[in-house]
Amino acid sequence: LRLSCAASVLNNFYVIGWFRQAPGKER
């Protein structure tokens, strides 16, 4: 699968990340 994240603004100074959380689990 390929996930996409569209942002209002992302300049070259930002850090971006992907996280996940399953039921009963921590992020």
PDB file of all heavy atoms in Angstrom:
ATOM      1  N   LEU A   1       0.847  -1.177   0.000  1.00  0.00           N
ATOM      2  CA  LEU A   1       0.000   0.000   0.000  1.00  0.00           C
ATOM      3  C   LEU A   1       0.884   1.228   0.000  1.00  0.00           C
ATOM      4  O   LEU A   1       2.001   1.200   0.530  1.00  0.00           O
ATOM      5  CB  LEU A   1      -0.912   0.054   1.224  1.00  0.00           C
ATOM      6  CG  LEU A   1      -2.134  -0.852   1.277  1.00  0.00           C
ATOM      7  CD1 LEU A   1      -2.790  -0.738   2.651  1.00  0.00           C
ATOM      8  CD2 LEU A   1      -3.126  -0.492   0.180  1.00  0.00           C
ATOM      9  N   ARG A   2       0.385   2.309  -0.569  1.00  0.00           N
ATOM     10  CA  ARG A   2       1.057   3.590  -0.472  1.00  0.00           C
ATOM     11  C   ARG A   2       0.123   4.594   0.168  1.00  0.00           C
ATOM     12  O   ARG A   2      -0.946   4.895  -0.363  1.00  0.00           O
ATOM     13  CB  ARG A   2       1.510   4.112  -1.837  1.00  0.00           C
ATOM     14  CG  ARG A   2       2.419   5.339  -1.716  1.00  0.00           C
ATOM     15  CD  ARG A   2       2.808   5.945  -3.047  1.00  0.00           C
ATOM     16  NE  ARG A   2       1.711   6.690  -3.649  1.00  0.00           N
ATOM     17  CZ  ARG A   2       1.863   7.580  -4.623  1.00  0.00           C
ATOM     18  NH1 ARG A   2       3.079   7.826  -5.118  1.00  0.00           N
ATOM     19  NH2 ARG A   2       0.813   8.199  -5.125  1.00  0.00           N
ATOM     20  N   LEU A   3       0.540   5.104   1.302  1.00  0.00           N
ATOM     21  CA  LEU A   3      -0.214   6.124   1.996  1.00  0.00           C
ATOM     22  C   LEU A   3       0.253   7.505   1.564  1.00  0.00           C
ATOM     23  O   LEU A   3       1.439   7.716   1.306  1.00  0.00           O
ATOM     24  CB  LEU A   3      -0.049   5.988   3.507  1.00  0.00           C
ATOM     25  CG  LEU A   3      -0.382   4.625   4.118  1.00  0.00           C
ATOM     26  CD1 LEU A   3      -0.237   4.688   5.632  1.00  0.00           C
ATOM     27  CD2 LEU A   3      -1.781   4.178   3.722  1.00  0.00           C
ATOM     28  N   SER A   4      -0.682   8.420   1.499  1.00  0.00           N
ATOM     29  CA  SER A   4      -0.374   9.801   1.157  1.00  0.00           C
ATOM     30  C   SER A   4      -0.837  10.719   2.273  1.00  0.00           C
ATOM     31  O   SER A   4      -1.834  10.449   2.938  1.00  0.00           O
ATOM     32  CB  SER A   4      -1.056  10.211  -0.150  1.00  0.00           C
ATOM     33  OG  SER A   4      -0.610   9.427  -1.228  1.00  0.00           O
ATOM     34  N   CYS A   5      -0.124  11.791   2.451  1.00  0.00           N
ATOM     35  CA  CYS A   5      -0.471  12.804   3.436  1.00  0.00           C
ATOM     36  C   CYS A   5      -0.376  14.159   2.767  1.00  0.00           C
ATOM     37  O   CYS A   5       0.727  14.620   2.446  1.00  0.00           O
ATOM     38  CB  CYS A   5       0.461  12.720   4.639  1.00  0.00           C
ATOM     39  SG  CYS A   5       0.200  14.015   5.869  1.00  0.00           S
ATOM     40  N   ALA A   6      -1.518  14.771   2.548  1.00  0.00           N
ATOM     41  CA  ALA A   6      -1.567  16.089   1.937  1.00  0.00           C
ATOM     42  C   ALA A   6      -1.569  17.145   3.027  1.00  0.00           C
ATOM     43  O   ALA A   6      -2.361  17.085   3.963  1.00  0.00           O
ATOM     44  CB  ALA A   6      -2.807  16.227   1.064  1.00  0.00           C
ATOM     45  N   ALA A   7      -0.692  18.108   2.890  1.00  0.00           N
ATOM     46  CA  ALA A   7      -0.523  19.137   3.901  1.00  0.00           C
ATOM     47  C   ALA A   7      -0.892  20.506   3.351  1.00  0.00           C
ATOM     48  O   ALA A   7      -0.727  20.785   2.163  1.00  0.00           O
ATOM     49  CB  ALA A   7       0.922  19.163   4.405  1.00  0.00           C
ATOM     50  N   SER A   8      -1.386  21.346   4.234  1.00  0.00           N
ATOM     51  CA  SER A   8      -1.695  22.714   3.835  1.00  0.00           C
ATOM     52  C   SER A   8      -0.437  23.470   3.455  1.00  0.00           C
ATOM     53  O   SER A   8      -0.411  24.193   2.461  1.00  0.00           O
ATOM     54  CB  SER A   8      -2.433  23.437   4.962  1.00  0.00           C
ATOM     55  OG  SER A   8      -1.678  23.436   6.155  1.00  0.00           O
ATOM     56  N   VAL A   9       0.609  23.289   4.254  1.00  0.00           N
ATOM     57  CA  VAL A   9       1.900  23.911   4.007  1.00  0.00           C
ATOM     58  C   VAL A   9       2.994  22.981   4.529  1.00  0.00           C
ATOM     59  O   VAL A   9       2.933  22.530   5.676  1.00  0.00           O
ATOM     60  CB  VAL A   9       2.022  25.287   4.690  1.00  0.00           C
ATOM     61  CG1 VAL A   9       3.427  25.844   4.516  1.00  0.00           C
ATOM     62  CG2 VAL A   9       1.002  26.265   4.135  1.00  0.00           C
ATOM     63  N   LEU A  10       3.964  22.698   3.705  1.00  0.00           N
ATOM     64  CA  LEU A  10       5.167  21.982   4.122  1.00  0.00           C
ATOM     65  C   LEU A  10       6.356  22.638   3.441  1.00  0.00           C
ATOM     66  O   LEU A  10       6.587  22.438   2.251  1.00  0.00           O
ATOM     67  CB  LEU A  10       5.104  20.508   3.753  1.00  0.00           C
ATOM     68  CG  LEU A  10       4.239  19.598   4.620  1.00  0.00           C
ATOM     69  CD1 LEU A  10       4.272  18.175   4.080  1.00  0.00           C
ATOM     70  CD2 LEU A  10       4.689  19.622   6.061  1.00  0.00           C
ATOM     71  N   ASN A  11       7.089  23.409   4.193  1.00  0.00           N
ATOM     72  CA  ASN A  11       8.283  24.014   3.627  1.00  0.00           C
ATOM     73  C   ASN A  11       9.501  23.159   3.929  1.00  0.00           C
ATOM     74  O   ASN A  11       9.416  22.127   4.601  1.00  0.00           O
ATOM     75  CB  ASN A  11       8.458  25.452   4.122  1.00  0.00           C
ATOM     76  CG  ASN A  11       8.616  25.542   5.628  1.00  0.00           C
ATOM     77  OD1 ASN A  11       9.298  24.734   6.249  1.00  0.00           O
ATOM     78  ND2 ASN A  11       7.992  26.560   6.219  1.00  0.00           N
ATOM     79  N   ASN A  12      10.636  23.579   3.422  1.00  0.00           N
ATOM     80  CA  ASN A  12      11.849  22.776   3.522  1.00  0.00           C
ATOM     81  C   ASN A  12      12.423  22.706   4.924  1.00  0.00           C
ATOM     82  O   ASN A  12      13.395  21.980   5.146  1.00  0.00           O
ATOM     83  CB  ASN A  12      12.909  23.314   2.560  1.00  0.00           C
ATOM     84  CG  ASN A  12      12.537  23.107   1.110  1.00  0.00           C
ATOM     85  OD1 ASN A  12      11.775  22.203   0.776  1.00  0.00           O
ATOM     86  ND2 ASN A  12      13.087  23.940   0.237  1.00  0.00           N
ATOM     87  N   PHE A  13      11.851  23.421   5.842  1.00  0.00           N
ATOM     88  CA  PHE A  13      12.345  23.449   7.213  1.00  0.00           C
ATOM     89  C   PHE A  13      11.622  22.443   8.110  1.00  0.00           C
ATOM     90  O   PHE A  13      12.044  22.207   9.238  1.00  0.00           O
ATOM     91  CB  PHE A  13      12.215  24.859   7.781  1.00  0.00           C
ATOM     92  CG  PHE A  13      13.047  25.125   9.000  1.00  0.00           C
ATOM     93  CD1 PHE A  13      14.401  24.839   9.008  1.00  0.00           C
ATOM     94  CD2 PHE A  13      12.485  25.667  10.135  1.00  0.00           C
ATOM     95  CE1 PHE A  13      15.183  25.089  10.127  1.00  0.00           C
ATOM     96  CE2 PHE A  13      13.248  25.927  11.265  1.00  0.00           C
ATOM     97  CZ  PHE A  13      14.596  25.636  11.260  1.00  0.00           C
ATOM     98  N   TYR A  14      10.556  21.838   7.631  1.00  0.00           N
ATOM     99  CA  TYR A  14       9.740  20.956   8.455  1.00  0.00           C
ATOM    100  C   TYR A  14      10.320  19.555   8.566  1.00  0.00           C
ATOM    101  O   TYR A  14      11.054  19.081   7.702  1.00  0.00           O
ATOM    102  CB  TYR A  14       8.322  20.866   7.892  1.00  0.00           C
ATOM    103  CG  TYR A  14       7.403  21.966   8.360  1.00  0.00           C
ATOM    104  CD1 TYR A  14       7.398  23.208   7.749  1.00  0.00           C
ATOM    105  CD2 TYR A  14       6.530  21.751   9.418  1.00  0.00           C
ATOM    106  CE1 TYR A  14       6.558  24.220   8.180  1.00  0.00           C
ATOM    107  CE2 TYR A  14       5.683  22.753   9.849  1.00  0.00           C
ATOM    108  CZ  TYR A  14       5.701  23.983   9.228  1.00  0.00           C
ATOM    109  OH  TYR A  14       4.854  24.974   9.663  1.00  0.00           O
ATOM    110  N   VAL A  15       9.957  18.900   9.662  1.00  0.00           N
ATOM    111  CA  VAL A  15      10.149  17.466   9.835  1.00  0.00           C
ATOM    112  C   VAL A  15       8.782  16.807   9.700  1.00  0.00           C
ATOM    113  O   VAL A  15       7.796  17.289  10.258  1.00  0.00           O
ATOM    114  CB  VAL A  15      10.782  17.137  11.191  1.00  0.00           C
ATOM    115  CG1 VAL A  15      10.844  15.632  11.418  1.00  0.00           C
ATOM    116  CG2 VAL A  15      12.174  17.744  11.271  1.00  0.00           C
ATOM    117  N   ILE A  16       8.723  15.717   8.968  1.00  0.00           N
ATOM    118  CA  ILE A  16       7.482  14.994   8.750  1.00  0.00           C
ATOM    119  C   ILE A  16       7.621  13.577   9.286  1.00  0.00           C
ATOM    120  O   ILE A  16       8.724  13.041   9.379  1.00  0.00           O
ATOM    121  CB  ILE A  16       7.092  14.958   7.266  1.00  0.00           C
ATOM    122  CG1 ILE A  16       8.215  14.323   6.435  1.00  0.00           C
ATOM    123  CG2 ILE A  16       6.794  16.370   6.768  1.00  0.00           C
ATOM    124  CD1 ILE A  16       7.877  14.136   4.975  1.00  0.00           C
ATOM    125  N   GLY A  17       6.489  12.964   9.616  1.00  0.00           N
ATOM    126  CA  GLY A  17       6.548  11.625  10.161  1.00  0.00           C
ATOM    127  C   GLY A  17       5.282  10.827   9.928  1.00  0.00           C
ATOM    128  O   GLY A  17       4.210  11.387   9.683  1.00  0.00           O
ATOM    129  N   TRP A  18       5.449   9.524   9.993  1.00  0.00           N
ATOM    130  CA  TRP A  18       4.345   8.579   9.968  1.00  0.00           C
ATOM    131  C   TRP A  18       4.338   7.781  11.259  1.00  0.00           C
ATOM    132  O   TRP A  18       5.383   7.285  11.695  1.00  0.00           O
ATOM    133  CB  TRP A  18       4.443   7.623   8.779  1.00  0.00           C
ATOM    134  CG  TRP A  18       4.062   8.235   7.475  1.00  0.00           C
ATOM    135  CD1 TRP A  18       4.899   8.741   6.527  1.00  0.00           C
ATOM    136  CD2 TRP A  18       2.737   8.403   6.960  1.00  0.00           C
ATOM    137  NE1 TRP A  18       4.188   9.214   5.457  1.00  0.00           N
ATOM    138  CE2 TRP A  18       2.851   9.018   5.695  1.00  0.00           C
ATOM    139  CE3 TRP A  18       1.462   8.088   7.441  1.00  0.00           C
ATOM    140  CZ2 TRP A  18       1.746   9.326   4.908  1.00  0.00           C
ATOM    141  CZ3 TRP A  18       0.357   8.401   6.663  1.00  0.00           C
ATOM    142  CH2 TRP A  18       0.504   9.010   5.420  1.00  0.00           C
ATOM    143  N   PHE A  19       3.163   7.648  11.838  1.00  0.00           N
ATOM    144  CA  PHE A  19       2.975   6.912  13.074  1.00  0.00           C
ATOM    145  C   PHE A  19       1.811   5.954  12.905  1.00  0.00           C
ATOM    146  O   PHE A  19       0.999   6.107  12.004  1.00  0.00           O
ATOM    147  CB  PHE A  19       2.709   7.871  14.240  1.00  0.00           C
ATOM    148  CG  PHE A  19       3.834   8.824  14.499  1.00  0.00           C
ATOM    149  CD1 PHE A  19       3.983   9.972  13.739  1.00  0.00           C
ATOM    150  CD2 PHE A  19       4.755   8.569  15.502  1.00  0.00           C
ATOM    151  CE1 PHE A  19       5.027  10.850  13.970  1.00  0.00           C
ATOM    152  CE2 PHE A  19       5.802   9.441  15.745  1.00  0.00           C
ATOM    153  CZ  PHE A  19       5.941  10.576  14.978  1.00  0.00           C
ATOM    154  N   ARG A  20       1.740   4.983  13.791  1.00  0.00           N
ATOM    155  CA  ARG A  20       0.617   4.067  13.754  1.00  0.00           C
ATOM    156  C   ARG A  20       0.226   3.661  15.158  1.00  0.00           C
ATOM    157  O   ARG A  20       1.031   3.680  16.080  1.00  0.00           O
ATOM    158  CB  ARG A  20       0.948   2.825  12.916  1.00  0.00           C
ATOM    159  CG  ARG A  20       2.035   1.933  13.494  1.00  0.00           C
ATOM    160  CD  ARG A  20       2.372   0.826  12.506  1.00  0.00           C
ATOM    161  NE  ARG A  20       3.364  -0.098  13.032  1.00  0.00           N
ATOM    162  CZ  ARG A  20       3.916  -1.083  12.338  1.00  0.00           C
ATOM    163  NH1 ARG A  20       3.555  -1.260  11.068  1.00  0.00           N
ATOM    164  NH2 ARG A  20       4.807  -1.878  12.899  1.00  0.00           N
ATOM    165  N   GLN A  21      -1.035   3.290  15.287  1.00  0.00           N
ATOM    166  CA  GLN A  21      -1.548   2.862  16.568  1.00  0.00           C
ATOM    167  C   GLN A  21      -2.582   1.765  16.358  1.00  0.00           C
ATOM    168  O   GLN A  21      -3.583   1.965  15.679  1.00  0.00           O
ATOM    169  CB  GLN A  21      -2.173   4.028  17.338  1.00  0.00           C
ATOM    170  CG  GLN A  21      -2.547   3.681  18.763  1.00  0.00           C
ATOM    171  CD  GLN A  21      -2.809   4.911  19.607  1.00  0.00           C
ATOM    172  OE1 GLN A  21      -3.183   5.964  19.081  1.00  0.00           O
ATOM    173  NE2 GLN A  21      -2.611   4.789  20.905  1.00  0.00           N
ATOM    174  N   ALA A  22      -2.305   0.615  16.938  1.00  0.00           N
ATOM    175  CA  ALA A  22      -3.226  -0.503  16.912  1.00  0.00           C
ATOM    176  C   ALA A  22      -4.071  -0.483  18.180  1.00  0.00           C
ATOM    177  O   ALA A  22      -3.667   0.088  19.202  1.00  0.00           O
ATOM    178  CB  ALA A  22      -2.459  -1.816  16.800  1.00  0.00           C
ATOM    179  N   PRO A  23      -5.246  -1.104  18.151  1.00  0.00           N
ATOM    180  CA  PRO A  23      -6.100  -1.121  19.346  1.00  0.00           C
ATOM    181  C   PRO A  23      -5.362  -1.675  20.556  1.00  0.00           C
ATOM    182  O   PRO A  23      -4.748  -2.741  20.492  1.00  0.00           O
ATOM    183  CB  PRO A  23      -7.258  -2.026  18.934  1.00  0.00           C
ATOM    184  CG  PRO A  23      -7.322  -1.888  17.443  1.00  0.00           C
ATOM    185  CD  PRO A  23      -5.890  -1.764  17.005  1.00  0.00           C
ATOM    186  N   GLY A  24      -5.424  -0.954  21.654  1.00  0.00           N
ATOM    187  CA  GLY A  24      -4.776  -1.385  22.876  1.00  0.00           C
ATOM    188  C   GLY A  24      -3.276  -1.201  22.908  1.00  0.00           C
ATOM    189  O   GLY A  24      -2.637  -1.596  23.884  1.00  0.00           O
ATOM    190  N   LYS A  25      -2.708  -0.605  21.866  1.00  0.00           N
ATOM    191  CA  LYS A  25      -1.268  -0.406  21.797  1.00  0.00           C
ATOM    192  C   LYS A  25      -0.935   1.080  21.830  1.00  0.00           C
ATOM    193  O   LYS A  25      -1.760   1.927  21.498  1.00  0.00           O
ATOM    194  CB  LYS A  25      -0.701  -1.025  20.520  1.00  0.00           C
ATOM    195  CG  LYS A  25      -1.016  -2.493  20.333  1.00  0.00           C
ATOM    196  CD  LYS A  25      -0.311  -3.350  21.354  1.00  0.00           C
ATOM    197  CE  LYS A  25      -0.559  -4.826  21.087  1.00  0.00           C
ATOM    198  NZ  LYS A  25       0.133  -5.684  22.072  1.00  0.00           N
ATOM    199  N   GLU A  26       0.278   1.375  22.224  1.00  0.00           N
ATOM    200  CA  GLU A  26       0.731   2.755  22.226  1.00  0.00           C
ATOM    201  C   GLU A  26       1.096   3.181  20.817  1.00  0.00           C
ATOM    202  O   GLU A  26       1.376   2.357  19.940  1.00  0.00           O
ATOM    203  CB  GLU A  26       1.922   2.930  23.163  1.00  0.00           C
ATOM    204  CG  GLU A  26       3.158   2.161  22.742  1.00  0.00           C
ATOM    205  CD  GLU A  26       4.304   2.313  23.724  1.00  0.00           C
ATOM    206  OE1 GLU A  26       4.097   2.944  24.778  1.00  0.00           O
ATOM    207  OE2 GLU A  26       5.401   1.805  23.437  1.00  0.00           O
ATOM    208  N   ARG A  27       1.102   4.482  20.598  1.00  0.00           N
ATOM    209  CA  ARG A  27       1.454   5.008  19.298  1.00  0.00           C
ATOM    210  C   ARG A  27       2.924   4.735  19.004  1.00  0.00           C
ATOM    211  O   ARG A  27       3.795   4.935  19.858  1.00  0.00           O
ATOM    212  CB  ARG A  27       1.158   6.496  19.235  1.00  0.00           C
ATOM    213  CG  ARG A  27       1.391   7.116  17.869  1.00  0.00           C
ATOM    214  CD  ARG A  27       0.733   8.486  17.769  1.00  0.00           C
ATOM    215  NE  ARG A  27      -0.716   8.396  17.840  1.00  0.00           N
ATOM    216  CZ  ARG A  27      -1.531   9.427  17.673  1.00  0.00           C
ATOM    217  NH1 ARG A  27      -1.041  10.636  17.433  1.00  0.00           N
ATOM    218  NH2 ARG A  27      -2.840   9.248  17.760  1.00  0.00           N
TER     219      ARG A  27
END
